[in-house]
Amino acid sequence: MAAVAVVCLPLAANAQQDRRAADLQYCARLSDLYVRYVGRSEAGPNAPVRPDVNGGVALAKCKEGDTATAIPILERKLVNAGFTLPARG
């Protein structure tokens, strides 16, 4: 039983690292789309626009590596703006 654990443990750790890297990459893609198309005002930089606090928090969480918090918020913001989400992974 110990031999199985010795073999499986590194595989599980590697799978977790791969998933985390994929989540970070997906979060970065969502952040780019959000900043480029949703998080800016179409009226221009001088227009009185209320900042989207939730969007800003999601961008910060993504940069911190907290993809579990950031991804759902960014996905919702993009879908609500009419975007098709990029492929994940």
PDB file of N, CA and C in Angstrom:
ATOM      1  N   MET A   1       0.829  -1.187   0.000  1.00  0.00           N
ATOM      2  CA  MET A   1       0.000   0.000   0.000  1.00  0.00           C
ATOM      3  C   MET A   1       0.876   1.254   0.000  1.00  0.00           C
ATOM      4  N   ALA A   2       1.975   1.213   0.737  1.00  0.00           N
ATOM      5  CA  ALA A   2       2.872   2.362   0.769  1.00  0.00           C
ATOM      6  C   ALA A   2       3.503   2.613  -0.587  1.00  0.00           C
ATOM      7  N   ALA A   3       3.759   1.547  -1.336  1.00  0.00           N
ATOM      8  CA  ALA A   3       4.353   1.694  -2.664  1.00  0.00           C
ATOM      9  C   ALA A   3       3.386   2.408  -3.605  1.00  0.00           C
ATOM     10  N   VAL A   4       2.124   2.113  -3.496  1.00  0.00           N
ATOM     11  CA  VAL A   4       1.112   2.777  -4.330  1.00  0.00           C
ATOM     12  C   VAL A   4       1.065   4.259  -3.994  1.00  0.00           C
ATOM     13  N   ALA A   5       1.125   4.594  -2.725  1.00  0.00           N
ATOM     14  CA  ALA A   5       1.107   5.994  -2.307  1.00  0.00           C
ATOM     15  C   ALA A   5       2.329   6.739  -2.825  1.00  0.00           C
ATOM     16  N   VAL A   6       3.481   6.087  -2.808  1.00  0.00           N
ATOM     17  CA  VAL A   6       4.714   6.717  -3.288  1.00  0.00           C
ATOM     18  C   VAL A   6       4.621   7.028  -4.774  1.00  0.00           C
ATOM     19  N   VAL A   7       3.963   6.151  -5.531  1.00  0.00           N
ATOM     20  CA  VAL A   7       3.824   6.353  -6.978  1.00  0.00           C
ATOM     21  C   VAL A   7       2.729   7.372  -7.287  1.00  0.00           C
ATOM     22  N   CYS A   8       1.612   7.303  -6.592  1.00  0.00           N
ATOM     23  CA  CYS A   8       0.453   8.155  -6.900  1.00  0.00           C
ATOM     24  C   CYS A   8       0.585   9.580  -6.395  1.00  0.00           C
ATOM     25  N   LEU A   9       1.271   9.778  -5.305  1.00  0.00           N
ATOM     26  CA  LEU A   9       1.384  11.109  -4.716  1.00  0.00           C
ATOM     27  C   LEU A   9       2.039  12.116  -5.657  1.00  0.00           C
ATOM     28  N   PRO A  10       3.167  11.802  -6.282  1.00  0.00           N
ATOM     29  CA  PRO A  10       3.747  12.764  -7.220  1.00  0.00           C
ATOM     30  C   PRO A  10       2.847  13.029  -8.434  1.00  0.00           C
ATOM     31  N   LEU A  11       2.121  12.024  -8.885  1.00  0.00           N
ATOM     32  CA  LEU A  11       1.215  12.208 -10.015  1.00  0.00           C
ATOM     33  C   LEU A  11       0.083  13.156  -9.655  1.00  0.00           C
ATOM     34  N   ALA A  12      -0.447  13.014  -8.464  1.00  0.00           N
ATOM     35  CA  ALA A  12      -1.527  13.900  -8.011  1.00  0.00           C
ATOM     36  C   ALA A  12      -1.021  15.326  -7.858  1.00  0.00           C
ATOM     37  N   ALA A  13       0.168  15.503  -7.321  1.00  0.00           N
ATOM     38  CA  ALA A  13       0.741  16.842  -7.159  1.00  0.00           C
ATOM     39  C   ALA A  13       0.976  17.486  -8.516  1.00  0.00           C
ATOM     40  N   ASN A  14       1.454  16.708  -9.469  1.00  0.00           N
ATOM     41  CA  ASN A  14       1.691  17.231 -10.820  1.00  0.00           C
ATOM     42  C   ASN A  14       0.377  17.639 -11.485  1.00  0.00           C
ATOM     43  N   ALA A  15      -0.664  16.845 -11.299  1.00  0.00           N
ATOM     44  CA  ALA A  15      -1.969  17.169 -11.869  1.00  0.00           C
ATOM     45  C   ALA A  15      -2.517  18.464 -11.274  1.00  0.00           C
ATOM     46  N   GLN A  16      -2.304  18.652  -9.963  1.00  0.00           N
ATOM     47  CA  GLN A  16      -2.756  19.885  -9.312  1.00  0.00           C
ATOM     48  C   GLN A  16      -2.004  21.096  -9.861  1.00  0.00           C
ATOM     49  N   GLN A  17      -0.707  20.958 -10.072  1.00  0.00           N
ATOM     50  CA  GLN A  17       0.088  22.059 -10.631  1.00  0.00           C
ATOM     51  C   GLN A  17      -0.376  22.390 -12.039  1.00  0.00           C
ATOM     52  N   ASP A  18      -0.670  21.364 -12.845  1.00  0.00           N
ATOM     53  CA  ASP A  18      -1.146  21.590 -14.204  1.00  0.00           C
ATOM     54  C   ASP A  18      -2.486  22.313 -14.205  1.00  0.00           C
ATOM     55  N   ARG A  19      -3.378  21.909 -13.302  1.00  0.00           N
ATOM     56  CA  ARG A  19      -4.693  22.552 -13.212  1.00  0.00           C
ATOM     57  C   ARG A  19      -4.545  24.003 -12.758  1.00  0.00           C
ATOM     58  N   ARG A  20      -3.683  24.235 -11.789  1.00  0.00           N
ATOM     59  CA  ARG A  20      -3.469  25.605 -11.291  1.00  0.00           C
ATOM     60  C   ARG A  20      -2.912  26.485 -12.398  1.00  0.00           C
ATOM     61  N   ALA A  21      -1.951  25.960 -13.160  1.00  0.00           N
ATOM     62  CA  ALA A  21      -1.376  26.733 -14.263  1.00  0.00           C
ATOM     63  C   ALA A  21      -2.442  27.033 -15.311  1.00  0.00           C
ATOM     64  N   ALA A  22      -3.301  26.055 -15.601  1.00  0.00           N
ATOM     65  CA  ALA A  22      -4.376  26.266 -16.573  1.00  0.00           C
ATOM     66  C   ALA A  22      -5.371  27.301 -16.063  1.00  0.00           C
ATOM     67  N   ASP A  23      -5.693  27.246 -14.768  1.00  0.00           N
ATOM     68  CA  ASP A  23      -6.611  28.222 -14.179  1.00  0.00           C
ATOM     69  C   ASP A  23      -6.019  29.629 -14.225  1.00  0.00           C
ATOM     70  N   LEU A  24      -4.732  29.758 -13.934  1.00  0.00           N
ATOM     71  CA  LEU A  24      -4.076  31.069 -13.983  1.00  0.00           C
ATOM     72  C   LEU A  24      -4.079  31.623 -15.405  1.00  0.00           C
ATOM     73  N   GLN A  25      -3.827  30.767 -16.372  1.00  0.00           N
ATOM     74  CA  GLN A  25      -3.821  31.200 -17.772  1.00  0.00           C
ATOM     75  C   GLN A  25      -5.224  31.620 -18.220  1.00  0.00           C
ATOM     76  N   TYR A  26      -6.235  30.841 -17.847  1.00  0.00           N
ATOM     77  CA  TYR A  26      -7.622  31.163 -18.198  1.00  0.00           C
ATOM     78  C   TYR A  26      -8.044  32.469 -17.529  1.00  0.00           C
ATOM     79  N   CYS A  27      -7.677  32.645 -16.274  1.00  0.00           N
ATOM     80  CA  CYS A  27      -8.007  33.868 -15.546  1.00  0.00           C
ATOM     81  C   CYS A  27      -7.361  35.076 -16.228  1.00  0.00           C
ATOM     82  N   ALA A  28      -6.133  34.917 -16.679  1.00  0.00           N
ATOM     83  CA  ALA A  28      -5.437  36.006 -17.375  1.00  0.00           C
ATOM     84  C   ALA A  28      -6.151  36.352 -18.682  1.00  0.00           C
ATOM     85  N   ARG A  29      -6.617  35.333 -19.416  1.00  0.00           N
ATOM     86  CA  ARG A  29      -7.359  35.603 -20.662  1.00  0.00           C
ATOM     87  C   ARG A  29      -8.658  36.338 -20.373  1.00  0.00           C
ATOM     88  N   LEU A  30      -9.379  35.893 -19.338  1.00  0.00           N
ATOM     89  CA  LEU A  30     -10.620  36.577 -18.969  1.00  0.00           C
ATOM     90  C   LEU A  30     -10.342  38.016 -18.550  1.00  0.00           C
ATOM     91  N   SER A  31      -9.284  38.223 -17.794  1.00  0.00           N
ATOM     92  CA  SER A  31      -8.921  39.574 -17.355  1.00  0.00           C
ATOM     93  C   SER A  31      -8.620  40.476 -18.540  1.00  0.00           C
ATOM     94  N   ASP A  32      -7.876  39.958 -19.506  1.00  0.00           N
ATOM     95  CA  ASP A  32      -7.554  40.742 -20.701  1.00  0.00           C
ATOM     96  C   ASP A  32      -8.819  41.158 -21.445  1.00  0.00           C
ATOM     97  N   LEU A  33      -9.732  40.202 -21.626  1.00  0.00           N
ATOM     98  CA  LEU A  33     -10.988  40.516 -22.310  1.00  0.00           C
ATOM     99  C   LEU A  33     -11.797  41.540 -21.523  1.00  0.00           C
ATOM    100  N   TYR A  34     -11.860  41.349 -20.222  1.00  0.00           N
ATOM    101  CA  TYR A  34     -12.631  42.264 -19.386  1.00  0.00           C
ATOM    102  C   TYR A  34     -12.073  43.679 -19.462  1.00  0.00           C
ATOM    103  N   VAL A  35     -10.765  43.816 -19.311  1.00  0.00           N
ATOM    104  CA  VAL A  35     -10.140  45.145 -19.337  1.00  0.00           C
ATOM    105  C   VAL A  35     -10.308  45.784 -20.714  1.00  0.00           C
ATOM    106  N   ARG A  36     -10.120  45.015 -21.748  1.00  0.00           N
ATOM    107  CA  ARG A  36     -10.160  45.553 -23.108  1.00  0.00           C
ATOM    108  C   ARG A  36     -11.565  45.972 -23.532  1.00  0.00           C
ATOM    109  N   TYR A  37     -12.580  45.177 -23.179  1.00  0.00           N
ATOM    110  CA  TYR A  37     -13.904  45.412 -23.748  1.00  0.00           C
ATOM    111  C   TYR A  37     -15.000  45.786 -22.755  1.00  0.00           C
ATOM    112  N   VAL A  38     -14.881  45.390 -21.515  1.00  0.00           N
ATOM    113  CA  VAL A  38     -15.983  45.595 -20.580  1.00  0.00           C
ATOM    114  C   VAL A  38     -15.639  46.617 -19.507  1.00  0.00           C
ATOM    115  N   GLY A  39     -14.450  46.578 -18.996  1.00  0.00           N
ATOM    116  CA  GLY A  39     -14.085  47.407 -17.864  1.00  0.00           C
ATOM    117  C   GLY A  39     -13.768  48.843 -18.206  1.00  0.00           C
ATOM    118  N   ARG A  40     -13.906  49.215 -19.457  1.00  0.00           N
ATOM    119  CA  ARG A  40     -13.638  50.593 -19.880  1.00  0.00           C
ATOM    120  C   ARG A  40     -14.936  51.260 -20.298  1.00  0.00           C
ATOM    121  N   SER A  41     -14.954  52.535 -20.223  1.00  0.00           N
ATOM    122  CA  SER A  41     -16.120  53.286 -20.668  1.00  0.00           C
ATOM    123  C   SER A  41     -16.003  53.580 -22.156  1.00  0.00           C
ATOM    124  N   GLU A  42     -17.087  53.357 -22.878  1.00  0.00           N
ATOM    125  CA  GLU A  42     -17.101  53.694 -24.299  1.00  0.00           C
ATOM    126  C   GLU A  42     -17.226  55.198 -24.494  1.00  0.00           C
ATOM    127  N   ALA A  43     -17.636  55.904 -23.449  1.00  0.00           N
ATOM    128  CA  ALA A  43     -17.823  57.343 -23.553  1.00  0.00           C
ATOM    129  C   ALA A  43     -16.505  58.098 -23.503  1.00  0.00           C
ATOM    130  N   GLY A  44     -15.438  57.432 -23.146  1.00  0.00           N
ATOM    131  CA  GLY A  44     -14.143  58.093 -23.104  1.00  0.00           C
ATOM    132  C   GLY A  44     -13.621  58.223 -21.686  1.00  0.00           C
ATOM    133  N   PRO A  45     -12.365  58.570 -21.562  1.00  0.00           N
ATOM    134  CA  PRO A  45     -11.741  58.613 -20.225  1.00  0.00           C
ATOM    135  C   PRO A  45     -12.253  59.732 -19.335  1.00  0.00           C
ATOM    136  N   ASN A  46     -12.843  60.767 -19.902  1.00  0.00           N
ATOM    137  CA  ASN A  46     -13.305  61.899 -19.098  1.00  0.00           C
ATOM    138  C   ASN A  46     -14.781  61.810 -18.713  1.00  0.00           C
ATOM    139  N   ALA A  47     -15.469  60.758 -19.171  1.00  0.00           N
ATOM    140  CA  ALA A  47     -16.890  60.612 -18.863  1.00  0.00           C
ATOM    141  C   ALA A  47     -17.065  60.177 -17.405  1.00  0.00           C
ATOM    142  N   PRO A  48     -18.110  60.707 -16.754  1.00  0.00           N
ATOM    143  CA  PRO A  48     -18.359  60.301 -15.366  1.00  0.00           C
ATOM    144  C   PRO A  48     -18.921  58.879 -15.321  1.00  0.00           C
ATOM    145  N   VAL A  49     -18.086  57.921 -15.020  1.00  0.00           N
ATOM    146  CA  VAL A  49     -18.479  56.519 -15.007  1.00  0.00           C
ATOM    147  C   VAL A  49     -18.224  55.946 -13.625  1.00  0.00           C
ATOM    148  N   ARG A  50     -19.206  55.246 -13.110  1.00  0.00           N
ATOM    149  CA  ARG A  50     -19.013  54.574 -11.827  1.00  0.00           C
ATOM    150  C   ARG A  50     -18.117  53.366 -12.038  1.00  0.00           C
ATOM    151  N   PRO A  51     -17.091  53.235 -11.249  1.00  0.00           N
ATOM    152  CA  PRO A  51     -16.218  52.064 -11.411  1.00  0.00           C
ATOM    153  C   PRO A  51     -16.936  50.781 -11.001  1.00  0.00           C
ATOM    154  N   ASP A  52     -16.601  49.705 -11.647  1.00  0.00           N
ATOM    155  CA  ASP A  52     -17.160  48.400 -11.324  1.00  0.00           C
ATOM    156  C   ASP A  52     -16.271  47.763 -10.257  1.00  0.00           C
ATOM    157  N   VAL A  53     -16.686  47.871  -9.019  1.00  0.00           N
ATOM    158  CA  VAL A  53     -15.878  47.391  -7.902  1.00  0.00           C
ATOM    159  C   VAL A  53     -15.671  45.882  -7.995  1.00  0.00           C
ATOM    160  N   ASN A  54     -16.730  45.146  -8.312  1.00  0.00           N
ATOM    161  CA  ASN A  54     -16.595  43.690  -8.395  1.00  0.00           C
ATOM    162  C   ASN A  54     -15.614  43.280  -9.490  1.00  0.00           C
ATOM    163  N   GLY A  55     -15.670  43.965 -10.611  1.00  0.00           N
ATOM    164  CA  GLY A  55     -14.722  43.676 -11.681  1.00  0.00           C
ATOM    165  C   GLY A  55     -13.297  43.968 -11.246  1.00  0.00           C
ATOM    166  N   GLY A  56     -13.105  45.064 -10.557  1.00  0.00           N
ATOM    167  CA  GLY A  56     -11.779  45.416 -10.064  1.00  0.00           C
ATOM    168  C   GLY A  56     -11.258  44.416  -9.045  1.00  0.00           C
ATOM    169  N   VAL A  57     -12.146  43.950  -8.178  1.00  0.00           N
ATOM    170  CA  VAL A  57     -11.754  42.936  -7.193  1.00  0.00           C
ATOM    171  C   VAL A  57     -11.360  41.648  -7.912  1.00  0.00           C
ATOM    172  N   ALA A  58     -12.124  41.263  -8.927  1.00  0.00           N
ATOM    173  CA  ALA A  58     -11.816  40.045  -9.677  1.00  0.00           C
ATOM    174  C   ALA A  58     -10.461  40.152 -10.363  1.00  0.00           C
ATOM    175  N   LEU A  59     -10.161  41.306 -10.941  1.00  0.00           N
ATOM    176  CA  LEU A  59      -8.855  41.501 -11.582  1.00  0.00           C
ATOM    177  C   LEU A  59      -7.727  41.375 -10.561  1.00  0.00           C
ATOM    178  N   ALA A  60      -7.922  41.972  -9.395  1.00  0.00           N
ATOM    179  CA  ALA A  60      -6.896  41.898  -8.345  1.00  0.00           C
ATOM    180  C   ALA A  60      -6.723  40.464  -7.845  1.00  0.00           C
ATOM    181  N   LYS A  61      -7.829  39.763  -7.656  1.00  0.00           N
ATOM    182  CA  LYS A  61      -7.764  38.381  -7.182  1.00  0.00           C
ATOM    183  C   LYS A  61      -7.056  37.497  -8.213  1.00  0.00           C
ATOM    184  N   CYS A  62      -7.298  37.746  -9.473  1.00  0.00           N
ATOM    185  CA  CYS A  62      -6.639  36.979 -10.527  1.00  0.00           C
ATOM    186  C   CYS A  62      -5.130  37.202 -10.478  1.00  0.00           C
ATOM    187  N   LYS A  63      -4.726  38.436 -10.310  1.00  0.00           N
ATOM    188  CA  LYS A  63      -3.291  38.745 -10.223  1.00  0.00           C
ATOM    189  C   LYS A  63      -2.653  38.117  -8.993  1.00  0.00           C
ATOM    190  N   GLU A  64      -3.423  37.985  -7.910  1.00  0.00           N
ATOM    191  CA  GLU A  64      -2.927  37.369  -6.683  1.00  0.00           C
ATOM    192  C   GLU A  64      -2.875  35.847  -6.791  1.00  0.00           C
ATOM    193  N   GLY A  65      -3.527  35.303  -7.818  1.00  0.00           N
ATOM    194  CA  GLY A  65      -3.563  33.855  -7.977  1.00  0.00           C
ATOM    195  C   GLY A  65      -4.795  33.201  -7.385  1.00  0.00           C
ATOM    196  N   ASP A  66      -5.749  34.009  -6.920  1.00  0.00           N
ATOM    197  CA  ASP A  66      -6.992  33.482  -6.348  1.00  0.00           C
ATOM    198  C   ASP A  66      -8.007  33.288  -7.474  1.00  0.00           C
ATOM    199  N   THR A  67      -7.762  32.265  -8.287  1.00  0.00           N
ATOM    200  CA  THR A  67      -8.606  32.029  -9.457  1.00  0.00           C
ATOM    201  C   THR A  67     -10.004  31.558  -9.083  1.00  0.00           C
ATOM    202  N   ALA A  68     -10.141  30.879  -7.956  1.00  0.00           N
ATOM    203  CA  ALA A  68     -11.451  30.386  -7.536  1.00  0.00           C
ATOM    204  C   ALA A  68     -12.429  31.534  -7.291  1.00  0.00           C
ATOM    205  N   THR A  69     -11.926  32.664  -6.846  1.00  0.00           N
ATOM    206  CA  THR A  69     -12.767  33.840  -6.631  1.00  0.00           C
ATOM    207  C   THR A  69     -12.928  34.640  -7.910  1.00  0.00           C
ATOM    208  N   ALA A  70     -11.849  34.816  -8.656  1.00  0.00           N
ATOM    209  CA  ALA A  70     -11.845  35.709  -9.814  1.00  0.00           C
ATOM    210  C   ALA A  70     -12.594  35.169 -11.022  1.00  0.00           C
ATOM    211  N   ILE A  71     -12.399  33.912 -11.341  1.00  0.00           N
ATOM    212  CA  ILE A  71     -12.954  33.360 -12.584  1.00  0.00           C
ATOM    213  C   ILE A  71     -14.476  33.477 -12.651  1.00  0.00           C
ATOM    214  N   PRO A  72     -15.237  33.073 -11.630  1.00  0.00           N
ATOM    215  CA  PRO A  72     -16.692  33.194 -11.748  1.00  0.00           C
ATOM    216  C   PRO A  72     -17.170  34.634 -11.953  1.00  0.00           C
ATOM    217  N   ILE A  73     -16.518  35.585 -11.303  1.00  0.00           N
ATOM    218  CA  ILE A  73     -16.921  36.988 -11.447  1.00  0.00           C
ATOM    219  C   ILE A  73     -16.637  37.465 -12.876  1.00  0.00           C
ATOM    220  N   LEU A  74     -15.437  37.194 -13.362  1.00  0.00           N
ATOM    221  CA  LEU A  74     -15.080  37.640 -14.708  1.00  0.00           C
ATOM    222  C   LEU A  74     -15.940  36.956 -15.765  1.00  0.00           C
ATOM    223  N   GLU A  75     -16.210  35.667 -15.582  1.00  0.00           N
ATOM    224  CA  GLU A  75     -17.085  34.972 -16.538  1.00  0.00           C
ATOM    225  C   GLU A  75     -18.463  35.614 -16.575  1.00  0.00           C
ATOM    226  N   ARG A  76     -19.021  35.900 -15.405  1.00  0.00           N
ATOM    227  CA  ARG A  76     -20.352  36.511 -15.342  1.00  0.00           C
ATOM    228  C   ARG A  76     -20.361  37.890 -16.000  1.00  0.00           C
ATOM    229  N   LYS A  77     -19.323  38.689 -15.726  1.00  0.00           N
ATOM    230  CA  LYS A  77     -19.251  40.031 -16.311  1.00  0.00           C
ATOM    231  C   LYS A  77     -19.182  39.948 -17.837  1.00  0.00           C
ATOM    232  N   LEU A  78     -18.389  39.027 -18.352  1.00  0.00           N
ATOM    233  CA  LEU A  78     -18.230  38.892 -19.801  1.00  0.00           C
ATOM    234  C   LEU A  78     -19.506  38.358 -20.458  1.00  0.00           C
ATOM    235  N   VAL A  79     -20.123  37.354 -19.857  1.00  0.00           N
ATOM    236  CA  VAL A  79     -21.363  36.801 -20.410  1.00  0.00           C
ATOM    237  C   VAL A  79     -22.467  37.860 -20.393  1.00  0.00           C
ATOM    238  N   ASN A  80     -22.565  38.605 -19.304  1.00  0.00           N
ATOM    239  CA  ASN A  80     -23.571  39.667 -19.211  1.00  0.00           C
ATOM    240  C   ASN A  80     -23.359  40.761 -20.247  1.00  0.00           C
ATOM    241  N   ALA A  81     -22.114  40.934 -20.682  1.00  0.00           N
ATOM    242  CA  ALA A  81     -21.795  41.929 -21.708  1.00  0.00           C
ATOM    243  C   ALA A  81     -21.957  41.352 -23.115  1.00  0.00           C
ATOM    244  N   GLY A  82     -22.372  40.089 -23.222  1.00  0.00           N
ATOM    245  CA  GLY A  82     -22.619  39.500 -24.539  1.00  0.00           C
ATOM    246  C   GLY A  82     -21.454  38.760 -25.147  1.00  0.00           C
ATOM    247  N   PHE A  83     -20.430  38.473 -24.377  1.00  0.00           N
ATOM    248  CA  PHE A  83     -19.258  37.784 -24.907  1.00  0.00           C
ATOM    249  C   PHE A  83     -19.412  36.270 -24.769  1.00  0.00           C
ATOM    250  N   THR A  84     -18.811  35.571 -25.709  1.00  0.00           N
ATOM    251  CA  THR A  84     -18.668  34.126 -25.599  1.00  0.00           C
ATOM    252  C   THR A  84     -17.338  33.892 -24.885  1.00  0.00           C
ATOM    253  N   LEU A  85     -17.373  33.058 -23.885  1.00  0.00           N
ATOM    254  CA  LEU A  85     -16.172  32.810 -23.095  1.00  0.00           C
ATOM    255  C   LEU A  85     -15.150  32.016 -23.910  1.00  0.00           C
ATOM    256  N   PRO A  86     -13.866  32.297 -23.706  1.00  0.00           N
ATOM    257  CA  PRO A  86     -12.829  31.533 -24.406  1.00  0.00           C
ATOM    258  C   PRO A  86     -12.801  30.099 -23.885  1.00  0.00           C
ATOM    259  N   ALA A  87     -12.220  29.220 -24.687  1.00  0.00           N
ATOM    260  CA  ALA A  87     -12.091  27.822 -24.263  1.00  0.00           C
ATOM    261  C   ALA A  87     -11.216  27.747 -23.019  1.00  0.00           C
ATOM    262  N   ARG A  88     -11.580  26.875 -22.139  1.00  0.00           N
ATOM    263  CA  ARG A  88     -10.824  26.733 -20.889  1.00  0.00           C
ATOM    264  C   ARG A  88      -9.885  25.532 -21.001  1.00  0.00           C
ATOM    265  N   GLY A  89      -8.618  25.777 -20.749  1.00  0.00           N
ATOM    266  CA  GLY A  89      -7.650  24.675 -20.743  1.00  0.00           C
ATOM    267  C   GLY A  89      -6.888  24.468 -22.010  1.00  0.00           C
TER     268      GLY A  89
END
